[in-house]
PDB file of N, CA and C in Angstrom:
ATOM      1  N   MET A   1     162.777  89.426-160.234  1.00  0.00           N
ATOM      2  CA  MET A   1     162.428  88.016-159.593  1.00  0.00           C
ATOM      3  C   MET A   1     160.810  88.272-158.888  1.00  0.00           C
ATOM      4  N   SER A   2     160.233  87.449-159.354  1.00  0.00           N
ATOM      5  CA  SER A   2     158.725  87.426-159.373  1.00  0.00           C
ATOM      6  C   SER A   2     157.930  86.387-158.950  1.00  0.00           C
ATOM      7  N   ILE A   3     157.613  86.241-157.829  1.00  0.00           N
ATOM      8  CA  ILE A   3     157.009  84.746-157.453  1.00  0.00           C
ATOM      9  C   ILE A   3     155.732  84.716-157.109  1.00  0.00           C
ATOM     10  N   ASN A   4     154.806  84.150-157.675  1.00  0.00           N
ATOM     11  CA  ASN A   4     153.236  84.134-157.382  1.00  0.00           C
ATOM     12  C   ASN A   4     152.768  83.394-156.233  1.00  0.00           C
ATOM     13  N   PHE A   5     152.599  84.176-154.805  1.00  0.00           N
ATOM     14  CA  PHE A   5     152.435  83.514-153.886  1.00  0.00           C
ATOM     15  C   PHE A   5     150.998  82.864-153.898  1.00  0.00           C
ATOM     16  N   ASN A   6     150.057  83.262-154.734  1.00  0.00           N
ATOM     17  CA  ASN A   6     149.012  82.592-154.489  1.00  0.00           C
ATOM     18  C   ASN A   6     148.727  81.121-154.791  1.00  0.00           C
ATOM     19  N   ASP A   7     149.875  80.482-155.223  1.00  0.00           N
ATOM     20  CA  ASP A   7     150.171  79.102-155.288  1.00  0.00           C
ATOM     21  C   ASP A   7     150.414  78.430-154.169  1.00  0.00           C
ATOM     22  N   TYR A   8     150.904  79.194-153.103  1.00  0.00           N
ATOM     23  CA  TYR A   8     151.115  78.527-151.531  1.00  0.00           C
ATOM     24  C   TYR A   8     149.883  78.269-150.982  1.00  0.00           C
ATOM     25  N   SER A   9     150.073  77.089-150.167  1.00  0.00           N
ATOM     26  CA  SER A   9     148.915  77.214-148.929  1.00  0.00           C
ATOM     27  C   SER A   9     149.109  78.054-148.002  1.00  0.00           C
ATOM     28  N   LEU A  10     148.402  78.414-147.155  1.00  0.00           N
ATOM     29  CA  LEU A  10     148.381  79.256-145.827  1.00  0.00           C
ATOM     30  C   LEU A  10     149.778  78.558-145.224  1.00  0.00           C
ATOM     31  N   GLU A  11     149.938  77.079-144.894  1.00  0.00           N
ATOM     32  CA  GLU A  11     150.894  76.693-144.205  1.00  0.00           C
ATOM     33  C   GLU A  11     152.184  76.934-144.622  1.00  0.00           C
ATOM     34  N   ASP A  12     152.324  76.774-146.163  1.00  0.00           N
ATOM     35  CA  ASP A  12     153.498  77.097-146.602  1.00  0.00           C
ATOM     36  C   ASP A  12     154.088  78.618-146.578  1.00  0.00           C
ATOM     37  N   LEU A  13     153.079  79.660-146.600  1.00  0.00           N
ATOM     38  CA  LEU A  13     153.267  80.975-146.691  1.00  0.00           C
ATOM     39  C   LEU A  13     153.766  81.236-145.115  1.00  0.00           C
ATOM     40  N   LYS A  14     153.139  80.599-144.230  1.00  0.00           N
ATOM     41  CA  LYS A  14     153.872  80.974-142.842  1.00  0.00           C
ATOM     42  C   LYS A  14     154.897  80.403-142.602  1.00  0.00           C
ATOM     43  N   ALA A  15     155.260  79.052-143.029  1.00  0.00           N
ATOM     44  CA  ALA A  15     156.569  78.607-143.232  1.00  0.00           C
ATOM     45  C   ALA A  15     157.765  79.429-143.745  1.00  0.00           C
ATOM     46  N   LEU A  16     157.180  80.081-144.789  1.00  0.00           N
ATOM     47  CA  LEU A  16     158.184  80.943-145.771  1.00  0.00           C
ATOM     48  C   LEU A  16     158.248  82.232-144.907  1.00  0.00           C
ATOM     49  N   GLN A  17     157.415  82.497-144.456  1.00  0.00           N
ATOM     50  CA  GLN A  17     157.508  83.656-143.600  1.00  0.00           C
ATOM     51  C   GLN A  17     158.552  83.752-142.465  1.00  0.00           C
ATOM     52  N   ASN A  18     158.490  82.395-141.566  1.00  0.00           N
ATOM     53  CA  ASN A  18     159.376  82.457-140.242  1.00  0.00           C
ATOM     54  C   ASN A  18     160.659  82.387-141.028  1.00  0.00           C
ATOM     55  N   ASP A  19     160.862  81.491-141.991  1.00  0.00           N
ATOM     56  CA  ASP A  19     162.116  81.492-142.670  1.00  0.00           C
ATOM     57  C   ASP A  19     162.654  82.875-143.082  1.00  0.00           C
ATOM     58  N   LEU A  20     161.573  83.656-143.669  1.00  0.00           N
ATOM     59  CA  LEU A  20     162.387  85.085-144.019  1.00  0.00           C
ATOM     60  C   LEU A  20     162.711  85.751-142.985  1.00  0.00           C
ATOM     61  N   GLU A  21     161.807  86.138-141.980  1.00  0.00           N
ATOM     62  CA  GLU A  21     162.274  86.678-140.509  1.00  0.00           C
ATOM     63  C   GLU A  21     163.584  86.221-139.965  1.00  0.00           C
ATOM     64  N   LYS A  22     163.613  85.089-139.869  1.00  0.00           N
ATOM     65  CA  LYS A  22     165.078  84.474-139.383  1.00  0.00           C
ATOM     66  C   LYS A  22     166.088  84.774-140.308  1.00  0.00           C
ATOM     67  N   THR A  23     166.094  84.821-141.794  1.00  0.00           N
ATOM     68  CA  THR A  23     167.158  85.198-142.441  1.00  0.00           C
ATOM     69  C   THR A  23     167.362  86.570-142.388  1.00  0.00           C
ATOM     70  N   ILE A  24     165.997  87.451-142.122  1.00  0.00           N
ATOM     71  CA  ILE A  24     166.439  89.090-142.093  1.00  0.00           C
ATOM     72  C   ILE A  24     167.027  89.137-140.619  1.00  0.00           C
ATOM     73  N   LYS A  25     166.747  88.479-139.673  1.00  0.00           N
ATOM     74  CA  LYS A  25     167.698  88.911-138.546  1.00  0.00           C
ATOM     75  C   LYS A  25     168.837  88.594-138.437  1.00  0.00           C
ATOM     76  N   ASP A  26     169.097  87.363-138.817  1.00  0.00           N
ATOM     77  CA  ASP A  26     170.665  86.710-139.257  1.00  0.00           C
ATOM     78  C   ASP A  26     171.426  87.953-139.986  1.00  0.00           C
ATOM     79  N   LYS A  27     170.773  88.448-141.138  1.00  0.00           N
ATOM     80  CA  LYS A  27     171.525  89.193-141.959  1.00  0.00           C
ATOM     81  C   LYS A  27     171.680  90.526-141.350  1.00  0.00           C
ATOM     82  N   ALA A  28     170.746  91.204-140.697  1.00  0.00           N
ATOM     83  CA  ALA A  28     170.836  92.512-139.820  1.00  0.00           C
ATOM     84  C   ALA A  28     172.076  92.087-138.799  1.00  0.00           C
ATOM     85  N   LYS A  29     171.865  91.029-138.143  1.00  0.00           N
ATOM     86  CA  LYS A  29     172.906  90.703-137.068  1.00  0.00           C
ATOM     87  C   LYS A  29     174.305  90.663-137.484  1.00  0.00           C
ATOM     88  N   GLU A  30     174.402  90.302-138.800  1.00  0.00           N
ATOM     89  CA  GLU A  30     175.803  90.045-139.523  1.00  0.00           C
ATOM     90  C   GLU A  30     176.207  91.521-139.868  1.00  0.00           C
ATOM     91  N   ALA A  31     175.210  92.262-140.503  1.00  0.00           N
ATOM     92  CA  ALA A  31     175.537  93.537-140.785  1.00  0.00           C
ATOM     93  C   ALA A  31     176.068  94.432-139.514  1.00  0.00           C
ATOM     94  N   LYS A  32     175.637  94.340-138.354  1.00  0.00           N
ATOM     95  CA  LYS A  32     175.689  94.932-137.309  1.00  0.00           C
ATOM     96  C   LYS A  32     177.283  94.502-136.603  1.00  0.00           C
ATOM     97  N   LYS A  33     177.839  93.285-137.086  1.00  0.00           N
ATOM     98  CA  LYS A  33     178.865  92.719-136.351  1.00  0.00           C
ATOM     99  C   LYS A  33     179.864  93.249-137.381  1.00  0.00           C
ATOM    100  N   THR A  34     179.675  93.130-138.740  1.00  0.00           N
ATOM    101  CA  THR A  34     180.740  93.788-139.871  1.00  0.00           C
ATOM    102  C   THR A  34     180.984  95.344-139.445  1.00  0.00           C
ATOM    103  N   ALA A  35     179.674  96.101-139.409  1.00  0.00           N
ATOM    104  CA  ALA A  35     179.795  97.388-139.394  1.00  0.00           C
ATOM    105  C   ALA A  35     180.694  97.719-137.835  1.00  0.00           C
ATOM    106  N   LEU A  36     180.529  96.950-136.695  1.00  0.00           N
ATOM    107  CA  LEU A  36     181.306  97.314-135.319  1.00  0.00           C
ATOM    108  C   LEU A  36     182.698  96.775-135.450  1.00  0.00           C
ATOM    109  N   GLN A  37     183.147  95.871-136.437  1.00  0.00           N
ATOM    110  CA  GLN A  37     184.525  95.599-137.077  1.00  0.00           C
ATOM    111  C   GLN A  37     185.248  96.809-137.496  1.00  0.00           C
ATOM    112  N   GLN A  38     184.528  97.294-138.588  1.00  0.00           N
ATOM    113  CA  GLN A  38     185.032  98.267-139.315  1.00  0.00           C
ATOM    114  C   GLN A  38     185.031  99.588-138.201  1.00  0.00           C
ATOM    115  N   ILE A  39     184.344  99.939-137.330  1.00  0.00           N
ATOM    116  CA  ILE A  39     184.864 100.794-136.586  1.00  0.00           C
ATOM    117  C   ILE A  39     185.606 100.904-135.635  1.00  0.00           C
ATOM    118  N   HIS A  40     185.584  99.519-135.184  1.00  0.00           N
ATOM    119  CA  HIS A  40     186.928  98.970-134.344  1.00  0.00           C
ATOM    120  C   HIS A  40     188.175  99.178-135.111  1.00  0.00           C
ATOM    121  N   ASN A  41     188.321  98.828-136.345  1.00  0.00           N
ATOM    122  CA  ASN A  41     189.438  99.070-137.290  1.00  0.00           C
ATOM    123  C   ASN A  41     190.112 100.355-137.301  1.00  0.00           C
ATOM    124  N   ILE A  42     188.625 101.344-137.579  1.00  0.00           N
ATOM    125  CA  ILE A  42     189.189 102.950-137.733  1.00  0.00           C
ATOM    126  C   ILE A  42     189.767 103.487-136.510  1.00  0.00           C
ATOM    127  N   ALA A  43     188.956 102.735-135.574  1.00  0.00           N
ATOM    128  CA  ALA A  43     189.520 103.625-134.191  1.00  0.00           C
ATOM    129  C   ALA A  43     191.144 102.913-134.031  1.00  0.00           C
ATOM    130  N   ASN A  44     191.454 101.562-134.293  1.00  0.00           N
ATOM    131  CA  ASN A  44     192.880 101.208-133.985  1.00  0.00           C
ATOM    132  C   ASN A  44     193.680 101.922-134.912  1.00  0.00           C
ATOM    133  N   GLU A  45     193.401 102.264-136.251  1.00  0.00           N
ATOM    134  CA  GLU A  45     194.209 102.856-137.155  1.00  0.00           C
ATOM    135  C   GLU A  45     194.417 104.227-136.581  1.00  0.00           C
ATOM    136  N   HIS A  46     193.930 104.793-135.985  1.00  0.00           N
ATOM    137  CA  HIS A  46     194.216 105.959-135.282  1.00  0.00           C
ATOM    138  C   HIS A  46     194.552 105.909-134.249  1.00  0.00           C
ATOM    139  N   GLY A  47     195.014 104.931-133.346  1.00  0.00           N
ATOM    140  CA  GLY A  47     195.584 104.712-132.263  1.00  0.00           C
ATOM    141  C   GLY A  47     194.615 104.978-131.094  1.00  0.00           C
ATOM    142  N   LEU A  48     193.395 104.716-131.450  1.00  0.00           N
ATOM    143  CA  LEU A  48     192.228 104.715-130.276  1.00  0.00           C
ATOM    144  C   LEU A  48     191.554 103.751-129.616  1.00  0.00           C
ATOM    145  N   ASP A  49     191.549 103.709-128.286  1.00  0.00           N
ATOM    146  CA  ASP A  49     190.655 102.418-127.930  1.00  0.00           C
ATOM    147  C   ASP A  49     189.092 103.044-128.164  1.00  0.00           C
ATOM    148  N   LEU A  50     188.550 101.888-128.716  1.00  0.00           N
ATOM    149  CA  LEU A  50     187.228 101.974-128.755  1.00  0.00           C
ATOM    150  C   LEU A  50     186.447 102.540-127.886  1.00  0.00           C
ATOM    151  N   ASP A  51     186.868 101.652-126.507  1.00  0.00           N
ATOM    152  CA  ASP A  51     185.762 102.668-125.330  1.00  0.00           C
ATOM    153  C   ASP A  51     185.954 104.044-124.971  1.00  0.00           C
ATOM    154  N   ASP A  52     187.148 104.578-125.438  1.00  0.00           N
ATOM    155  CA  ASP A  52     187.544 106.045-125.289  1.00  0.00           C
ATOM    156  C   ASP A  52     186.562 106.717-126.399  1.00  0.00           C
ATOM    157  N   VAL A  53     186.710 106.231-127.647  1.00  0.00           N
ATOM    158  CA  VAL A  53     185.935 106.597-128.679  1.00  0.00           C
ATOM    159  C   VAL A  53     184.434 106.835-128.046  1.00  0.00           C
ATOM    160  N   LEU A  54     183.851 105.397-127.671  1.00  0.00           N
ATOM    161  CA  LEU A  54     182.592 105.587-127.263  1.00  0.00           C
ATOM    162  C   LEU A  54     181.945 106.450-126.246  1.00  0.00           C
ATOM    163  N   ASP A  55     182.967 106.273-125.154  1.00  0.00           N
ATOM    164  CA  ASP A  55     182.916 107.259-124.285  1.00  0.00           C
ATOM    165  C   ASP A  55     182.354 108.713-124.481  1.00  0.00           C
ATOM    166  N   GLY A  56     183.117 108.712-125.377  1.00  0.00           N
ATOM    167  CA  GLY A  56     183.106 110.554-125.540  1.00  0.00           C
ATOM    168  C   GLY A  56     181.768 110.773-126.414  1.00  0.00           C
ATOM    169  N   LEU A  57     180.978 109.700-126.626  1.00  0.00           N
ATOM    170  CA  LEU A  57     179.559 109.833-127.627  1.00  0.00           C
ATOM    171  C   LEU A  57     178.425 109.877-126.464  1.00  0.00           C
ATOM    172  N   LYS A  58     178.522 109.282-125.316  1.00  0.00           N
ATOM    173  CA  LYS A  58     177.595 108.888-124.409  1.00  0.00           C
ATOM    174  C   LYS A  58     177.010 110.300-123.817  1.00  0.00           C
ATOM    175  N   ASN A  59     175.948 110.172-123.559  1.00  0.00           N
ATOM    176  CA  ASN A  59     175.173 111.523-123.053  1.00  0.00           C
ATOM    177  C   ASN A  59     175.309 111.196-121.278  1.00  0.00           C
ATOM    178  N   PRO A  60     175.567 112.133-120.664  1.00  0.00           N
ATOM    179  CA  PRO A  60     175.549 111.888-119.220  1.00  0.00           C
ATOM    180  C   PRO A  60     174.269 112.026-119.062  1.00  0.00           C
ATOM    181  N   SER A  61     173.891 111.230-118.027  1.00  0.00           N
ATOM    182  CA  SER A  61     172.392 111.276-117.528  1.00  0.00           C
ATOM    183  C   SER A  61     171.997 112.279-116.964  1.00  0.00           C
ATOM    184  N   LYS A  62     170.900 112.837-117.631  1.00  0.00           N
ATOM    185  CA  LYS A  62     170.258 114.186-117.440  1.00  0.00           C
ATOM    186  C   LYS A  62     169.532 113.828-116.420  1.00  0.00           C
ATOM    187  N   LYS A  63     169.514 114.820-115.162  1.00  0.00           N
ATOM    188  CA  LYS A  63     168.568 114.651-114.093  1.00  0.00           C
ATOM    189  C   LYS A  63     167.501 115.783-114.509  1.00  0.00           C
ATOM    190  N   LYS A  64     166.159 115.362-114.276  1.00  0.00           N
ATOM    191  CA  LYS A  64     165.076 115.971-114.490  1.00  0.00           C
ATOM    192  C   LYS A  64     164.805 116.698-113.397  1.00  0.00           C
ATOM    193  N   SER A  65     165.156 118.394-113.928  1.00  0.00           N
ATOM    194  CA  SER A  65     164.290 119.182-112.965  1.00  0.00           C
ATOM    195  C   SER A  65     163.126 119.363-112.961  1.00  0.00           C
ATOM    196  N   LYS A  66     162.801 119.884-111.472  1.00  0.00           N
ATOM    197  CA  LYS A  66     161.321 120.042-111.172  1.00  0.00           C
ATOM    198  C   LYS A  66     160.778 121.349-111.675  1.00  0.00           C
ATOM    199  N   VAL A  67     159.707 121.500-112.234  1.00  0.00           N
ATOM    200  CA  VAL A  67     159.082 122.901-112.709  1.00  0.00           C
ATOM    201  C   VAL A  67     157.984 123.018-111.958  1.00  0.00           C
ATOM    202  N   ALA A  68     158.294 124.545-111.621  1.00  0.00           N
ATOM    203  CA  ALA A  68     157.486 124.813-110.583  1.00  0.00           C
ATOM    204  C   ALA A  68     156.048 125.302-111.149  1.00  0.00           C
ATOM    205  N   PRO A  69     154.870 124.943-110.471  1.00  0.00           N
ATOM    206  CA  PRO A  69     153.881 125.143-110.944  1.00  0.00           C
ATOM    207  C   PRO A  69     153.286 126.555-111.132  1.00  0.00           C
ATOM    208  N   LYS A  70     152.402 126.778-112.153  1.00  0.00           N
ATOM    209  CA  LYS A  70     152.193 128.388-112.462  1.00  0.00           C
ATOM    210  C   LYS A  70     150.791 128.653-111.915  1.00  0.00           C
ATOM    211  N   TYR A  71     149.945 127.333-111.795  1.00  0.00           N
ATOM    212  CA  TYR A  71     148.494 127.561-111.870  1.00  0.00           C
ATOM    213  C   TYR A  71     148.129 126.730-110.642  1.00  0.00           C
ATOM    214  N   GLN A  72     147.046 127.099-109.883  1.00  0.00           N
ATOM    215  CA  GLN A  72     146.526 126.693-108.867  1.00  0.00           C
ATOM    216  C   GLN A  72     145.144 126.757-108.605  1.00  0.00           C
ATOM    217  N   ASN A  73     144.517 125.537-108.273  1.00  0.00           N
ATOM    218  CA  ASN A  73     143.163 125.402-108.280  1.00  0.00           C
ATOM    219  C   ASN A  73     142.602 126.353-107.109  1.00  0.00           C
ATOM    220  N   PRO A  74     141.536 126.968-107.653  1.00  0.00           N
ATOM    221  CA  PRO A  74     141.154 128.240-106.449  1.00  0.00           C
ATOM    222  C   PRO A  74     140.209 127.447-105.565  1.00  0.00           C
ATOM    223  N   ASP A  75     139.642 126.408-106.002  1.00  0.00           N
ATOM    224  CA  ASP A  75     138.588 125.619-105.348  1.00  0.00           C
ATOM    225  C   ASP A  75     139.585 124.411-104.120  1.00  0.00           C
ATOM    226  N   ASN A  76     140.581 124.261-104.726  1.00  0.00           N
ATOM    227  CA  ASN A  76     141.598 123.135-103.981  1.00  0.00           C
ATOM    228  C   ASN A  76     143.140 123.685-104.163  1.00  0.00           C
ATOM    229  N   SER A  77     143.525 124.163-103.041  1.00  0.00           N
ATOM    230  CA  SER A  77     145.140 124.697-103.260  1.00  0.00           C
ATOM    231  C   SER A  77     146.104 123.629-103.224  1.00  0.00           C
ATOM    232  N   ALA A  78     145.593 122.198-103.048  1.00  0.00           N
ATOM    233  CA  ALA A  78     146.451 121.035-103.441  1.00  0.00           C
ATOM    234  C   ALA A  78     146.824 121.045-104.830  1.00  0.00           C
ATOM    235  N   GLU A  79     146.059 121.143-105.397  1.00  0.00           N
ATOM    236  CA  GLU A  79     145.825 120.821-107.096  1.00  0.00           C
ATOM    237  C   GLU A  79     146.444 122.149-107.862  1.00  0.00           C
ATOM    238  N   THR A  80     147.691 121.800-108.425  1.00  0.00           N
ATOM    239  CA  THR A  80     148.495 122.637-109.078  1.00  0.00           C
ATOM    240  C   THR A  80     148.895 122.233-110.476  1.00  0.00           C
ATOM    241  N   TRP A  81     149.422 122.879-111.525  1.00  0.00           N
ATOM    242  CA  TRP A  81     149.390 122.536-112.867  1.00  0.00           C
ATOM    243  C   TRP A  81     150.784 123.507-113.333  1.00  0.00           C
ATOM    244  N   THR A  82     151.985 122.947-113.868  1.00  0.00           N
ATOM    245  CA  THR A  82     153.226 123.658-114.539  1.00  0.00           C
ATOM    246  C   THR A  82     152.524 124.454-115.761  1.00  0.00           C
ATOM    247  N   GLY A  83     151.704 123.882-116.393  1.00  0.00           N
ATOM    248  CA  GLY A  83     151.227 124.716-117.512  1.00  0.00           C
ATOM    249  C   GLY A  83     152.008 123.853-118.454  1.00  0.00           C
ATOM    250  N   ARG A  84     152.509 122.773-118.699  1.00  0.00           N
ATOM    251  CA  ARG A  84     153.079 121.694-119.400  1.00  0.00           C
ATOM    252  C   ARG A  84     151.971 120.492-119.367  1.00  0.00           C
ATOM    253  N   GLY A  85     152.007 119.970-120.503  1.00  0.00           N
ATOM    254  CA  GLY A  85     151.255 118.786-120.890  1.00  0.00           C
ATOM    255  C   GLY A  85     149.824 119.073-120.802  1.00  0.00           C
ATOM    256  N   ARG A  86     148.895 117.877-120.799  1.00  0.00           N
ATOM    257  CA  ARG A  86     147.491 118.240-120.803  1.00  0.00           C
ATOM    258  C   ARG A  86     147.080 118.820-119.796  1.00  0.00           C
ATOM    259  N   LYS A  87     146.032 119.519-120.113  1.00  0.00           N
ATOM    260  CA  LYS A  87     145.212 120.566-118.895  1.00  0.00           C
ATOM    261  C   LYS A  87     144.473 119.586-117.883  1.00  0.00           C
ATOM    262  N   PRO A  88     144.754 119.723-116.572  1.00  0.00           N
ATOM    263  CA  PRO A  88     144.156 118.971-115.948  1.00  0.00           C
ATOM    264  C   PRO A  88     142.463 119.437-116.008  1.00  0.00           C
ATOM    265  N   LYS A  89     141.679 118.647-115.350  1.00  0.00           N
ATOM    266  CA  LYS A  89     140.195 119.011-115.541  1.00  0.00           C
ATOM    267  C   LYS A  89     139.526 120.231-114.943  1.00  0.00           C
ATOM    268  N   TRP A  90     140.392 120.287-113.682  1.00  0.00           N
ATOM    269  CA  TRP A  90     139.876 121.545-113.042  1.00  0.00           C
ATOM    270  C   TRP A  90     140.275 122.860-113.702  1.00  0.00           C
ATOM    271  N   VAL A  91     141.573 123.037-114.483  1.00  0.00           N
ATOM    272  CA  VAL A  91     141.873 124.126-115.206  1.00  0.00           C
ATOM    273  C   VAL A  91     140.845 123.933-116.668  1.00  0.00           C
ATOM    274  N   GLU A  92     140.445 123.035-117.221  1.00  0.00           N
ATOM    275  CA  GLU A  92     139.404 123.050-118.071  1.00  0.00           C
ATOM    276  C   GLU A  92     137.882 123.541-117.729  1.00  0.00           C
ATOM    277  N   LYS A  93     137.719 123.056-116.647  1.00  0.00           N
ATOM    278  CA  LYS A  93     136.501 123.553-115.702  1.00  0.00           C
ATOM    279  C   LYS A  93     136.390 125.354-115.847  1.00  0.00           C
ATOM    280  N   ALA A  94     137.696 125.372-115.156  1.00  0.00           N
ATOM    281  CA  ALA A  94     137.817 127.383-114.903  1.00  0.00           C
ATOM    282  C   ALA A  94     137.995 127.710-116.214  1.00  0.00           C
ATOM    283  N   LEU A  95     138.553 127.327-117.072  1.00  0.00           N
ATOM    284  CA  LEU A  95     138.345 127.916-118.415  1.00  0.00           C
ATOM    285  C   LEU A  95     137.217 128.198-119.203  1.00  0.00           C
ATOM    286  N   ASN A  96     136.241 127.177-119.002  1.00  0.00           N
ATOM    287  CA  ASN A  96     134.897 127.031-119.354  1.00  0.00           C
ATOM    288  C   ASN A  96     133.761 127.935-118.741  1.00  0.00           C
ATOM    289  N   SER A  97     134.370 128.055-117.544  1.00  0.00           N
ATOM    290  CA  SER A  97     133.399 128.661-116.787  1.00  0.00           C
ATOM    291  C   SER A  97     133.590 130.224-117.005  1.00  0.00           C
ATOM    292  N   GLY A  98     134.793 130.593-117.494  1.00  0.00           N
ATOM    293  CA  GLY A  98     134.988 131.945-118.059  1.00  0.00           C
ATOM    294  C   GLY A  98     136.021 132.631-117.510  1.00  0.00           C
ATOM    295  N   LYS A  99     136.771 131.560-116.817  1.00  0.00           N
ATOM    296  CA  LYS A  99     138.261 132.095-116.093  1.00  0.00           C
ATOM    297  C   LYS A  99     139.416 132.446-117.072  1.00  0.00           C
ATOM    298  N   SER A 100     140.169 132.755-117.108  1.00  0.00           N
ATOM    299  CA  SER A 100     141.533 132.900-117.748  1.00  0.00           C
ATOM    300  C   SER A 100     142.484 132.396-116.912  1.00  0.00           C
ATOM    301  N   LEU A 101     143.595 131.960-117.741  1.00  0.00           N
ATOM    302  CA  LEU A 101     144.722 131.323-117.109  1.00  0.00           C
ATOM    303  C   LEU A 101     145.283 132.265-115.868  1.00  0.00           C
ATOM    304  N   ASP A 102     145.248 133.795-116.407  1.00  0.00           N
ATOM    305  CA  ASP A 102     145.813 134.802-115.303  1.00  0.00           C
ATOM    306  C   ASP A 102     144.851 134.458-114.080  1.00  0.00           C
ATOM    307  N   ASP A 103     143.608 134.267-114.273  1.00  0.00           N
ATOM    308  CA  ASP A 103     142.793 133.906-112.829  1.00  0.00           C
ATOM    309  C   ASP A 103     143.241 133.095-111.927  1.00  0.00           C
ATOM    310  N   ILE A 104     143.832 131.865-112.540  1.00  0.00           N
ATOM    311  CA  ILE A 104     144.323 130.801-111.458  1.00  0.00           C
ATOM    312  C   ILE A 104     145.698 130.778-111.317  1.00  0.00           C
ATOM    313  N   SER A 105     146.592 131.745-112.104  1.00  0.00           N
ATOM    314  CA  SER A 105     148.062 131.630-112.027  1.00  0.00           C
ATOM    315  C   SER A 105     148.262 132.195-110.676  1.00  0.00           C
ATOM    316  N   ILE A 106     149.411 131.334-110.158  1.00  0.00           N
ATOM    317  CA  ILE A 106     150.014 131.635-108.663  1.00  0.00           C
ATOM    318  C   ILE A 106     150.921 132.850-108.679  1.00  0.00           C
TER     319      ILE A 106
END
């Protein structure tokens, strides 16, 4: 199937794009509906309630635990860093001045 899109006007191409996007969305929705029905049927065949099956797959909400800071700004003790993520400017400044991470560790 080969279509020469150069023969279409910009307006026609945009209308075609909108039609394609709607068709793709409708097809995806139908595929999802079919897949969910198949899953439901499989669960029923095994005597399971779909909610029970899905409940076993859900991850319990994980509470984020705070990480203790490992480094402290020698010039301002209120500024600390855990050693994770991007280095704060005060850490970069300390490293550039010749200090090591051991020098600013808590």
